[in-house]
């Protein structure tokens, strides 16, 4: 199982990142401000394709949001589509007023 790292700078911008042998396999660009986590972009790089890494990033982000009482603003098309597709699963964290 791949390990997902969260890297945030002092301004609350960062990524959920999956690496293998110091090579990026997938990442989700985010920011955390106030009570919101904003997802901007999710990408799985060539070596990570077909391994379910987008789903792993999604679950890690959702768990983080729940543990930190955050609502998610889904600007990322992938995250937005997952929120729409699995609305019941993510209803508790989806900030639909902004997404």
PDB file of N, CA and C in Angstrom:
ATOM      1  N   UNK A   1       0.848  -1.199   0.000  1.00  0.00           N
ATOM      2  CA  UNK A   1       0.000   0.000   0.000  1.00  0.00           C
ATOM      3  C   UNK A   1       0.879   1.242   0.000  1.00  0.00           C
ATOM      4  N   UNK A   2       0.592   2.150  -0.892  1.00  0.00           N
ATOM      5  CA  UNK A   2       1.347   3.381  -0.991  1.00  0.00           C
ATOM      6  C   UNK A   2       1.071   4.282   0.206  1.00  0.00           C
ATOM      7  N   UNK A   3       2.068   5.032   0.590  1.00  0.00           N
ATOM      8  CA  UNK A   3       1.962   5.965   1.693  1.00  0.00           C
ATOM      9  C   UNK A   3       1.681   7.362   1.144  1.00  0.00           C
ATOM     10  N   UNK A   4       0.662   8.011   1.677  1.00  0.00           N
ATOM     11  CA  UNK A   4       0.323   9.364   1.243  1.00  0.00           C
ATOM     12  C   UNK A   4       0.878  10.349   2.262  1.00  0.00           C
ATOM     13  N   UNK A   5       1.646  11.308   1.767  1.00  0.00           N
ATOM     14  CA  UNK A   5       2.195  12.361   2.613  1.00  0.00           C
ATOM     15  C   UNK A   5       1.374  13.629   2.421  1.00  0.00           C
ATOM     16  N   UNK A   6       1.216  14.384   3.486  1.00  0.00           N
ATOM     17  CA  UNK A   6       0.630  15.711   3.378  1.00  0.00           C
ATOM     18  C   UNK A   6       1.747  16.710   3.620  1.00  0.00           C
ATOM     19  N   UNK A   7       1.953  17.585   2.658  1.00  0.00           N
ATOM     20  CA  UNK A   7       2.965  18.629   2.774  1.00  0.00           C
ATOM     21  C   UNK A   7       2.245  19.965   2.659  1.00  0.00           C
ATOM     22  N   UNK A   8       2.266  20.738   3.756  1.00  0.00           N
ATOM     23  CA  UNK A   8       1.624  22.057   3.777  1.00  0.00           C
ATOM     24  C   UNK A   8       2.659  23.115   4.132  1.00  0.00           C
ATOM     25  N   UNK A   9       2.624  24.257   3.435  1.00  0.00           N
ATOM     26  CA  UNK A   9       3.520  25.345   3.813  1.00  0.00           C
ATOM     27  C   UNK A   9       2.854  26.222   4.862  1.00  0.00           C
ATOM     28  N   UNK A  10       3.545  27.255   5.294  1.00  0.00           N
ATOM     29  CA  UNK A  10       3.042  28.116   6.363  1.00  0.00           C
ATOM     30  C   UNK A  10       1.789  28.890   5.965  1.00  0.00           C
ATOM     31  N   UNK A  11       1.516  28.993   4.670  1.00  0.00           N
ATOM     32  CA  UNK A  11       0.316  29.678   4.187  1.00  0.00           C
ATOM     33  C   UNK A  11      -0.863  28.729   3.976  1.00  0.00           C
ATOM     34  N   UNK A  12      -0.665  27.443   4.285  1.00  0.00           N
ATOM     35  CA  UNK A  12      -1.748  26.475   4.137  1.00  0.00           C
ATOM     36  C   UNK A  12      -1.893  25.894   2.748  1.00  0.00           C
ATOM     37  N   UNK A  13      -0.922  26.155   1.859  1.00  0.00           N
ATOM     38  CA  UNK A  13      -0.945  25.562   0.506  1.00  0.00           C
ATOM     39  C   UNK A  13      -0.082  24.323   0.506  1.00  0.00           C
ATOM     40  N   UNK A  14      -0.493  23.322  -0.260  1.00  0.00           N
ATOM     41  CA  UNK A  14       0.324  22.127  -0.308  1.00  0.00           C
ATOM     42  C   UNK A  14      -0.259  21.025  -1.158  1.00  0.00           C
ATOM     43  N   UNK A  15       0.175  19.801  -0.852  1.00  0.00           N
ATOM     44  CA  UNK A  15      -0.235  18.633  -1.630  1.00  0.00           C
ATOM     45  C   UNK A  15      -0.372  17.408  -0.733  1.00  0.00           C
ATOM     46  N   UNK A  16      -1.275  16.534  -1.153  1.00  0.00           N
ATOM     47  CA  UNK A  16      -1.234  15.153  -0.718  1.00  0.00           C
ATOM     48  C   UNK A  16      -0.398  14.479  -1.801  1.00  0.00           C
ATOM     49  N   UNK A  17       0.637  13.763  -1.409  1.00  0.00           N
ATOM     50  CA  UNK A  17       1.634  13.274  -2.359  1.00  0.00           C
ATOM     51  C   UNK A  17       1.902  11.793  -2.153  1.00  0.00           C
ATOM     52  N   UNK A  18       2.003  11.063  -3.267  1.00  0.00           N
ATOM     53  CA  UNK A  18       2.421   9.661  -3.241  1.00  0.00           C
ATOM     54  C   UNK A  18       3.696   9.563  -4.064  1.00  0.00           C
ATOM     55  N   UNK A  19       4.753   9.065  -3.427  1.00  0.00           N
ATOM     56  CA  UNK A  19       6.041   8.887  -4.098  1.00  0.00           C
ATOM     57  C   UNK A  19       6.506   7.439  -3.942  1.00  0.00           C
ATOM     58  N   UNK A  20       7.360   7.049  -4.864  1.00  0.00           N
ATOM     59  CA  UNK A  20       8.007   5.740  -4.794  1.00  0.00           C
ATOM     60  C   UNK A  20       9.426   5.939  -5.299  1.00  0.00           C
ATOM     61  N   UNK A  21      10.407   5.568  -4.501  1.00  0.00           N
ATOM     62  CA  UNK A  21      11.812   5.764  -4.864  1.00  0.00           C
ATOM     63  C   UNK A  21      12.102   7.214  -5.255  1.00  0.00           C
ATOM     64  N   UNK A  22      11.584   8.137  -4.459  1.00  0.00           N
ATOM     65  CA  UNK A  22      11.761   9.581  -4.672  1.00  0.00           C
ATOM     66  C   UNK A  22      11.204  10.087  -5.999  1.00  0.00           C
ATOM     67  N   UNK A  23      10.263   9.362  -6.574  1.00  0.00           N
ATOM     68  CA  UNK A  23       9.614   9.777  -7.815  1.00  0.00           C
ATOM     69  C   UNK A  23       8.124   9.967  -7.542  1.00  0.00           C
ATOM     70  N   UNK A  24       7.583  11.101  -7.976  1.00  0.00           N
ATOM     71  CA  UNK A  24       6.158  11.370  -7.788  1.00  0.00           C
ATOM     72  C   UNK A  24       5.333  10.400  -8.609  1.00  0.00           C
ATOM     73  N   UNK A  25       4.352   9.778  -7.935  1.00  0.00           N
ATOM     74  CA  UNK A  25       3.405   8.916  -8.641  1.00  0.00           C
ATOM     75  C   UNK A  25       2.067   9.614  -8.812  1.00  0.00           C
ATOM     76  N   UNK A  26       1.667  10.397  -7.794  1.00  0.00           N
ATOM     77  CA  UNK A  26       0.380  11.094  -7.855  1.00  0.00           C
ATOM     78  C   UNK A  26       0.378  12.201  -6.807  1.00  0.00           C
ATOM     79  N   UNK A  27      -0.437  13.237  -7.077  1.00  0.00           N
ATOM     80  CA  UNK A  27      -0.564  14.312  -6.105  1.00  0.00           C
ATOM     81  C   UNK A  27      -1.905  15.013  -6.266  1.00  0.00           C
ATOM     82  N   UNK A  28      -2.335  15.608  -5.151  1.00  0.00           N
ATOM     83  CA  UNK A  28      -3.541  16.421  -5.129  1.00  0.00           C
ATOM     84  C   UNK A  28      -3.150  17.765  -4.518  1.00  0.00           C
ATOM     85  N   UNK A  29      -3.278  18.836  -5.322  1.00  0.00           N
ATOM     86  CA  UNK A  29      -2.953  20.176  -4.841  1.00  0.00           C
ATOM     87  C   UNK A  29      -4.125  20.722  -4.040  1.00  0.00           C
ATOM     88  N   UNK A  30      -3.817  21.247  -2.842  1.00  0.00           N
ATOM     89  CA  UNK A  30      -4.865  21.730  -1.936  1.00  0.00           C
ATOM     90  C   UNK A  30      -4.429  23.002  -1.227  1.00  0.00           C
ATOM     91  N   UNK A  31      -5.360  23.605  -0.542  1.00  0.00           N
ATOM     92  CA  UNK A  31      -5.049  24.635   0.446  1.00  0.00           C
ATOM     93  C   UNK A  31      -6.022  24.472   1.602  1.00  0.00           C
ATOM     94  N   UNK A  32      -5.565  24.890   2.773  1.00  0.00           N
ATOM     95  CA  UNK A  32      -6.403  24.852   3.970  1.00  0.00           C
ATOM     96  C   UNK A  32      -6.434  26.265   4.525  1.00  0.00           C
ATOM     97  N   UNK A  33      -7.651  26.801   4.624  1.00  0.00           N
ATOM     98  CA  UNK A  33      -7.818  28.152   5.164  1.00  0.00           C
ATOM     99  C   UNK A  33      -9.114  28.191   5.952  1.00  0.00           C
ATOM    100  N   UNK A  34      -9.001  28.605   7.206  1.00  0.00           N
ATOM    101  CA  UNK A  34     -10.184  28.634   8.054  1.00  0.00           C
ATOM    102  C   UNK A  34     -10.761  27.246   8.196  1.00  0.00           C
ATOM    103  N   UNK A  35     -12.044  27.116   7.935  1.00  0.00           N
ATOM    104  CA  UNK A  35     -12.708  25.816   8.068  1.00  0.00           C
ATOM    105  C   UNK A  35     -12.875  25.104   6.728  1.00  0.00           C
ATOM    106  N   UNK A  36     -12.121  25.555   5.701  1.00  0.00           N
ATOM    107  CA  UNK A  36     -12.234  24.956   4.373  1.00  0.00           C
ATOM    108  C   UNK A  36     -10.916  24.366   3.892  1.00  0.00           C
ATOM    109  N   UNK A  37     -11.043  23.250   3.197  1.00  0.00           N
ATOM    110  CA  UNK A  37      -9.949  22.660   2.440  1.00  0.00           C
ATOM    111  C   UNK A  37     -10.375  22.789   0.985  1.00  0.00           C
ATOM    112  N   UNK A  38      -9.554  23.436   0.167  1.00  0.00           N
ATOM    113  CA  UNK A  38      -9.863  23.587  -1.256  1.00  0.00           C
ATOM    114  C   UNK A  38      -8.983  22.647  -2.056  1.00  0.00           C
ATOM    115  N   UNK A  39      -9.606  21.842  -2.907  1.00  0.00           N
ATOM    116  CA  UNK A  39      -8.861  20.957  -3.811  1.00  0.00           C
ATOM    117  C   UNK A  39      -8.806  21.639  -5.175  1.00  0.00           C
ATOM    118  N   UNK A  40      -7.586  21.750  -5.724  1.00  0.00           N
ATOM    119  CA  UNK A  40      -7.394  22.449  -6.989  1.00  0.00           C
ATOM    120  C   UNK A  40      -7.149  21.508  -8.168  1.00  0.00           C
ATOM    121  N   UNK A  41      -6.326  20.500  -7.941  1.00  0.00           N
ATOM    122  CA  UNK A  41      -5.908  19.657  -9.065  1.00  0.00           C
ATOM    123  C   UNK A  41      -5.438  18.312  -8.532  1.00  0.00           C
ATOM    124  N   UNK A  42      -5.826  17.245  -9.206  1.00  0.00           N
ATOM    125  CA  UNK A  42      -5.344  15.905  -8.883  1.00  0.00           C
ATOM    126  C   UNK A  42      -4.731  15.318 -10.140  1.00  0.00           C
ATOM    127  N   UNK A  43      -3.548  14.738  -9.980  1.00  0.00           N
ATOM    128  CA  UNK A  43      -2.871  14.157 -11.141  1.00  0.00           C
ATOM    129  C   UNK A  43      -2.176  12.868 -10.748  1.00  0.00           C
ATOM    130  N   UNK A  44      -2.329  11.860 -11.603  1.00  0.00           N
ATOM    131  CA  UNK A  44      -1.569  10.629 -11.478  1.00  0.00           C
ATOM    132  C   UNK A  44      -0.578  10.624 -12.629  1.00  0.00           C
ATOM    133  N   UNK A  45       0.707  10.518 -12.284  1.00  0.00           N
ATOM    134  CA  UNK A  45       1.757  10.540 -13.289  1.00  0.00           C
ATOM    135  C   UNK A  45       1.904   9.157 -13.929  1.00  0.00           C
ATOM    136  N   UNK A  46       2.620   9.083 -15.039  1.00  0.00           N
ATOM    137  CA  UNK A  46       2.689   7.872 -15.863  1.00  0.00           C
ATOM    138  C   UNK A  46       2.977   6.604 -15.052  1.00  0.00           C
ATOM    139  N   UNK A  47       3.979   6.629 -14.191  1.00  0.00           N
ATOM    140  CA  UNK A  47       4.340   5.424 -13.418  1.00  0.00           C
ATOM    141  C   UNK A  47       3.272   5.021 -12.404  1.00  0.00           C
ATOM    142  N   UNK A  48       2.363   5.933 -12.068  1.00  0.00           N
ATOM    143  CA  UNK A  48       1.336   5.636 -11.083  1.00  0.00           C
ATOM    144  C   UNK A  48      -0.003   5.236 -11.669  1.00  0.00           C
ATOM    145  N   UNK A  49      -0.140   5.341 -12.975  1.00  0.00           N
ATOM    146  CA  UNK A  49      -1.433   5.076 -13.607  1.00  0.00           C
ATOM    147  C   UNK A  49      -1.875   3.628 -13.423  1.00  0.00           C
ATOM    148  N   UNK A  50      -3.202   3.459 -13.265  1.00  0.00           N
ATOM    149  CA  UNK A  50      -3.792   2.133 -13.163  1.00  0.00           C
ATOM    150  C   UNK A  50      -3.640   1.476 -11.806  1.00  0.00           C
ATOM    151  N   UNK A  51      -3.234   2.240 -10.798  1.00  0.00           N
ATOM    152  CA  UNK A  51      -2.999   1.668  -9.469  1.00  0.00           C
ATOM    153  C   UNK A  51      -3.996   2.175  -8.432  1.00  0.00           C
ATOM    154  N   UNK A  52      -5.000   2.930  -8.859  1.00  0.00           N
ATOM    155  CA  UNK A  52      -6.005   3.426  -7.932  1.00  0.00           C
ATOM    156  C   UNK A  52      -5.505   4.544  -7.031  1.00  0.00           C
ATOM    157  N   UNK A  53      -4.478   5.256  -7.475  1.00  0.00           N
ATOM    158  CA  UNK A  53      -3.881   6.285  -6.633  1.00  0.00           C
ATOM    159  C   UNK A  53      -4.766   7.513  -6.488  1.00  0.00           C
ATOM    160  N   UNK A  54      -5.534   7.841  -7.514  1.00  0.00           N
ATOM    161  CA  UNK A  54      -6.474   8.957  -7.409  1.00  0.00           C
ATOM    162  C   UNK A  54      -7.496   8.691  -6.315  1.00  0.00           C
ATOM    163  N   UNK A  55      -7.991   7.487  -6.265  1.00  0.00           N
ATOM    164  CA  UNK A  55      -8.948   7.092  -5.234  1.00  0.00           C
ATOM    165  C   UNK A  55      -8.290   7.141  -3.843  1.00  0.00           C
ATOM    166  N   UNK A  56      -7.037   6.709  -3.753  1.00  0.00           N
ATOM    167  CA  UNK A  56      -6.310   6.745  -2.485  1.00  0.00           C
ATOM    168  C   UNK A  56      -6.114   8.191  -2.017  1.00  0.00           C
ATOM    169  N   UNK A  57      -5.769   9.086  -2.938  1.00  0.00           N
ATOM    170  CA  UNK A  57      -5.645  10.508  -2.591  1.00  0.00           C
ATOM    171  C   UNK A  57      -6.982  11.060  -2.116  1.00  0.00           C
ATOM    172  N   UNK A  58      -8.035  10.683  -2.818  1.00  0.00           N
ATOM    173  CA  UNK A  58      -9.377  11.144  -2.479  1.00  0.00           C
ATOM    174  C   UNK A  58      -9.767  10.710  -1.060  1.00  0.00           C
ATOM    175  N   UNK A  59      -9.540   9.456  -0.744  1.00  0.00           N
ATOM    176  CA  UNK A  59      -9.884   8.937   0.585  1.00  0.00           C
ATOM    177  C   UNK A  59      -9.041   9.585   1.676  1.00  0.00           C
ATOM    178  N   UNK A  60      -7.767   9.801   1.390  1.00  0.00           N
ATOM    179  CA  UNK A  60      -6.873  10.437   2.367  1.00  0.00           C
ATOM    180  C   UNK A  60      -7.311  11.873   2.625  1.00  0.00           C
ATOM    181  N   UNK A  61      -7.650  12.594   1.564  1.00  0.00           N
ATOM    182  CA  UNK A  61      -8.115  13.972   1.696  1.00  0.00           C
ATOM    183  C   UNK A  61      -9.414  14.021   2.495  1.00  0.00           C
ATOM    184  N   UNK A  62     -10.345  13.112   2.194  1.00  0.00           N
ATOM    185  CA  UNK A  62     -11.631  13.081   2.894  1.00  0.00           C
ATOM    186  C   UNK A  62     -11.426  12.766   4.380  1.00  0.00           C
ATOM    187  N   UNK A  63     -10.555  11.812   4.687  1.00  0.00           N
ATOM    188  CA  UNK A  63     -10.265  11.479   6.084  1.00  0.00           C
ATOM    189  C   UNK A  63      -9.669  12.680   6.814  1.00  0.00           C
ATOM    190  N   UNK A  64      -8.744  13.372   6.163  1.00  0.00           N
ATOM    191  CA  UNK A  64      -8.114  14.550   6.758  1.00  0.00           C
ATOM    192  C   UNK A  64      -9.161  15.628   7.038  1.00  0.00           C
ATOM    193  N   UNK A  65     -10.041  15.864   6.069  1.00  0.00           N
ATOM    194  CA  UNK A  65     -11.085  16.874   6.243  1.00  0.00           C
ATOM    195  C   UNK A  65     -11.987  16.510   7.424  1.00  0.00           C
ATOM    196  N   UNK A  66     -12.378  15.257   7.522  1.00  0.00           N
ATOM    197  CA  UNK A  66     -13.248  14.833   8.630  1.00  0.00           C
ATOM    198  C   UNK A  66     -12.548  14.974   9.981  1.00  0.00           C
ATOM    199  N   UNK A  67     -11.305  14.533  10.061  1.00  0.00           N
ATOM    200  CA  UNK A  67     -10.565  14.589  11.329  1.00  0.00           C
ATOM    201  C   UNK A  67     -10.327  16.025  11.788  1.00  0.00           C
ATOM    202  N   UNK A  68     -10.278  16.963  10.835  1.00  0.00           N
ATOM    203  CA  UNK A  68      -9.985  18.357  11.166  1.00  0.00           C
ATOM    204  C   UNK A  68     -11.209  19.268  11.042  1.00  0.00           C
ATOM    205  N   UNK A  69     -12.399  18.652  10.945  1.00  0.00           N
ATOM    206  CA  UNK A  69     -13.665  19.402  10.845  1.00  0.00           C
ATOM    207  C   UNK A  69     -13.641  20.456   9.741  1.00  0.00           C
ATOM    208  N   UNK A  70     -13.170  20.043   8.569  1.00  0.00           N
ATOM    209  CA  UNK A  70     -13.088  20.935   7.420  1.00  0.00           C
ATOM    210  C   UNK A  70     -14.171  20.594   6.405  1.00  0.00           C
ATOM    211  N   UNK A  71     -14.611  21.600   5.682  1.00  0.00           N
ATOM    212  CA  UNK A  71     -15.483  21.410   4.521  1.00  0.00           C
ATOM    213  C   UNK A  71     -14.625  21.549   3.280  1.00  0.00           C
ATOM    214  N   UNK A  72     -14.920  20.771   2.249  1.00  0.00           N
ATOM    215  CA  UNK A  72     -14.104  20.742   1.039  1.00  0.00           C
ATOM    216  C   UNK A  72     -14.758  21.557  -0.073  1.00  0.00           C
ATOM    217  N   UNK A  73     -13.990  22.482  -0.608  1.00  0.00           N
ATOM    218  CA  UNK A  73     -14.378  23.228  -1.798  1.00  0.00           C
ATOM    219  C   UNK A  73     -13.729  22.493  -2.967  1.00  0.00           C
ATOM    220  N   UNK A  74     -14.551  21.881  -3.797  1.00  0.00           N
ATOM    221  CA  UNK A  74     -14.057  20.992  -4.855  1.00  0.00           C
ATOM    222  C   UNK A  74     -13.883  21.733  -6.175  1.00  0.00           C
ATOM    223  N   UNK A  75     -12.781  22.482  -6.300  1.00  0.00           N
ATOM    224  CA  UNK A  75     -12.470  23.141  -7.568  1.00  0.00           C
ATOM    225  C   UNK A  75     -11.819  22.167  -8.547  1.00  0.00           C
ATOM    226  N   UNK A  76     -11.204  21.118  -8.029  1.00  0.00           N
ATOM    227  CA  UNK A  76     -10.595  20.080  -8.860  1.00  0.00           C
ATOM    228  C   UNK A  76     -11.701  19.286  -9.552  1.00  0.00           C
ATOM    229  N   UNK A  77     -11.643  19.157 -10.882  1.00  0.00           N
ATOM    230  CA  UNK A  77     -12.685  18.409 -11.597  1.00  0.00           C
ATOM    231  C   UNK A  77     -12.831  16.955 -11.126  1.00  0.00           C
ATOM    232  N   UNK A  78     -11.730  16.298 -10.797  1.00  0.00           N
ATOM    233  CA  UNK A  78     -11.791  14.915 -10.319  1.00  0.00           C
ATOM    234  C   UNK A  78     -12.527  14.840  -8.986  1.00  0.00           C
ATOM    235  N   UNK A  79     -12.139  15.683  -8.043  1.00  0.00           N
ATOM    236  CA  UNK A  79     -12.783  15.675  -6.726  1.00  0.00           C
ATOM    237  C   UNK A  79     -14.263  16.026  -6.874  1.00  0.00           C
ATOM    238  N   UNK A  80     -14.557  17.032  -7.670  1.00  0.00           N
ATOM    239  CA  UNK A  80     -15.947  17.438  -7.881  1.00  0.00           C
ATOM    240  C   UNK A  80     -16.768  16.285  -8.457  1.00  0.00           C
ATOM    241  N   UNK A  81     -16.216  15.581  -9.440  1.00  0.00           N
ATOM    242  CA  UNK A  81     -16.955  14.465 -10.045  1.00  0.00           C
ATOM    243  C   UNK A  81     -17.171  13.334  -9.041  1.00  0.00           C
ATOM    244  N   UNK A  82     -16.189  13.077  -8.178  1.00  0.00           N
ATOM    245  CA  UNK A  82     -16.345  12.045  -7.163  1.00  0.00           C
ATOM    246  C   UNK A  82     -17.395  12.442  -6.132  1.00  0.00           C
ATOM    247  N   UNK A  83     -17.412  13.730  -5.759  1.00  0.00           N
ATOM    248  CA  UNK A  83     -18.421  14.216  -4.820  1.00  0.00           C
ATOM    249  C   UNK A  83     -19.817  14.078  -5.406  1.00  0.00           C
ATOM    250  N   UNK A  84     -19.975  14.380  -6.682  1.00  0.00           N
ATOM    251  CA  UNK A  84     -21.283  14.246  -7.323  1.00  0.00           C
ATOM    252  C   UNK A  84     -21.679  12.782  -7.459  1.00  0.00           C
ATOM    253  N   UNK A  85     -20.724  11.945  -7.852  1.00  0.00           N
ATOM    254  CA  UNK A  85     -21.001  10.532  -8.087  1.00  0.00           C
ATOM    255  C   UNK A  85     -21.334   9.794  -6.796  1.00  0.00           C
ATOM    256  N   UNK A  86     -20.633  10.142  -5.710  1.00  0.00           N
ATOM    257  CA  UNK A  86     -20.822   9.481  -4.419  1.00  0.00           C
ATOM    258  C   UNK A  86     -21.287  10.502  -3.388  1.00  0.00           C
ATOM    259  N   UNK A  87     -22.358  11.195  -3.708  1.00  0.00           N
ATOM    260  CA  UNK A  87     -22.848  12.306  -2.884  1.00  0.00           C
ATOM    261  C   UNK A  87     -23.102  11.890  -1.438  1.00  0.00           C
ATOM    262  N   UNK A  88     -23.678  10.717  -1.211  1.00  0.00           N
ATOM    263  CA  UNK A  88     -23.967  10.267   0.156  1.00  0.00           C
ATOM    264  C   UNK A  88     -22.691  10.060   0.956  1.00  0.00           C
ATOM    265  N   UNK A  89     -21.660   9.550   0.307  1.00  0.00           N
ATOM    266  CA  UNK A  89     -20.392   9.259   0.967  1.00  0.00           C
ATOM    267  C   UNK A  89     -19.664  10.524   1.415  1.00  0.00           C
ATOM    268  N   UNK A  90     -19.817  11.612   0.638  1.00  0.00           N
ATOM    269  CA  UNK A  90     -19.057  12.831   0.905  1.00  0.00           C
ATOM    270  C   UNK A  90     -19.918  14.017   1.338  1.00  0.00           C
ATOM    271  N   UNK A  91     -21.207  13.811   1.540  1.00  0.00           N
ATOM    272  CA  UNK A  91     -22.120  14.917   1.878  1.00  0.00           C
ATOM    273  C   UNK A  91     -21.691  15.674   3.130  1.00  0.00           C
ATOM    274  N   UNK A  92     -21.093  14.964   4.076  1.00  0.00           N
ATOM    275  CA  UNK A  92     -20.714  15.597   5.341  1.00  0.00           C
ATOM    276  C   UNK A  92     -19.548  16.570   5.213  1.00  0.00           C
ATOM    277  N   UNK A  93     -18.746  16.448   4.143  1.00  0.00           N
ATOM    278  CA  UNK A  93     -17.580  17.330   4.003  1.00  0.00           C
ATOM    279  C   UNK A  93     -17.649  18.256   2.791  1.00  0.00           C
ATOM    280  N   UNK A  94     -18.641  18.059   1.918  1.00  0.00           N
ATOM    281  CA  UNK A  94     -18.699  18.838   0.675  1.00  0.00           C
ATOM    282  C   UNK A  94     -19.318  20.210   0.928  1.00  0.00           C
ATOM    283  N   UNK A  95     -18.552  21.250   0.698  1.00  0.00           N
ATOM    284  CA  UNK A  95     -19.042  22.620   0.782  1.00  0.00           C
ATOM    285  C   UNK A  95     -19.664  22.966  -0.570  1.00  0.00           C
ATOM    286  N   UNK A  96     -20.933  22.642  -0.737  1.00  0.00           N
ATOM    287  CA  UNK A  96     -21.609  22.841  -2.023  1.00  0.00           C
ATOM    288  C   UNK A  96     -21.960  24.299  -2.286  1.00  0.00           C
ATOM    289  N   UNK A  97     -21.916  25.127  -1.275  1.00  0.00           N
ATOM    290  CA  UNK A  97     -22.207  26.539  -1.469  1.00  0.00           C
ATOM    291  C   UNK A  97     -21.157  27.227  -2.324  1.00  0.00           C
ATOM    292  N   UNK A  98     -19.948  26.666  -2.327  1.00  0.00           N
ATOM    293  CA  UNK A  98     -18.844  27.284  -3.069  1.00  0.00           C
ATOM    294  C   UNK A  98     -18.444  26.423  -4.261  1.00  0.00           C
ATOM    295  N   UNK A  99     -18.505  25.102  -4.138  1.00  0.00           N
ATOM    296  CA  UNK A  99     -18.018  24.184  -5.191  1.00  0.00           C
ATOM    297  C   UNK A  99     -18.873  24.253  -6.431  1.00  0.00           C
TER     298      UNK A  99
END
